[in-house]
Amino acid sequence: MNGHQGDNGRVVPFVIVQGPNHLPMNMQGKSIDLVGVDHDGRLKISGATYKVIDPSVGTLDFTIPGAFYQALGDYQQAYFRIKDSNNQVISTINVAFTTLAGADYMTMEILNIQWICKSKHGWS
């Protein structure tokens, strides 16, 4: 569950499974959200940021909000929680979550390398 600082709206496809045989969980009438405590100790709760693809087989696209990609480093704790139609938590799924340095530095470094190569070797 890694992402870069500044990411916003990253969509992650999921199949929610249950039991030792990893059978698809029927998500009809259920909701899911992401909860975490970031590297700086701030609590993050996603809310309902998912789109169910097929509830009978537990498939969904989960959109991770930008608030989760602010503080650099590993989350102290992160998990998905599944709630029933009465808003009662029926299951939690622990995840490892890390916010990495922004990806924009990579673009700048690549551009610098290209500029150096062009200058040294006369490439155009």
Foldseek 3Di string as FASTA:
>chain_A
DEEAAPDAFDKDKDFQADDPVRFGAQCVQKAKWKWFQAPVRDIDIGPRQKAADGNHRRIIIGTDGNVLQHDAFKIPWMWMFMAGNVRHTPDIGTDTYGYHHHPVVVVVVVVVVVVVCCVVVVDD
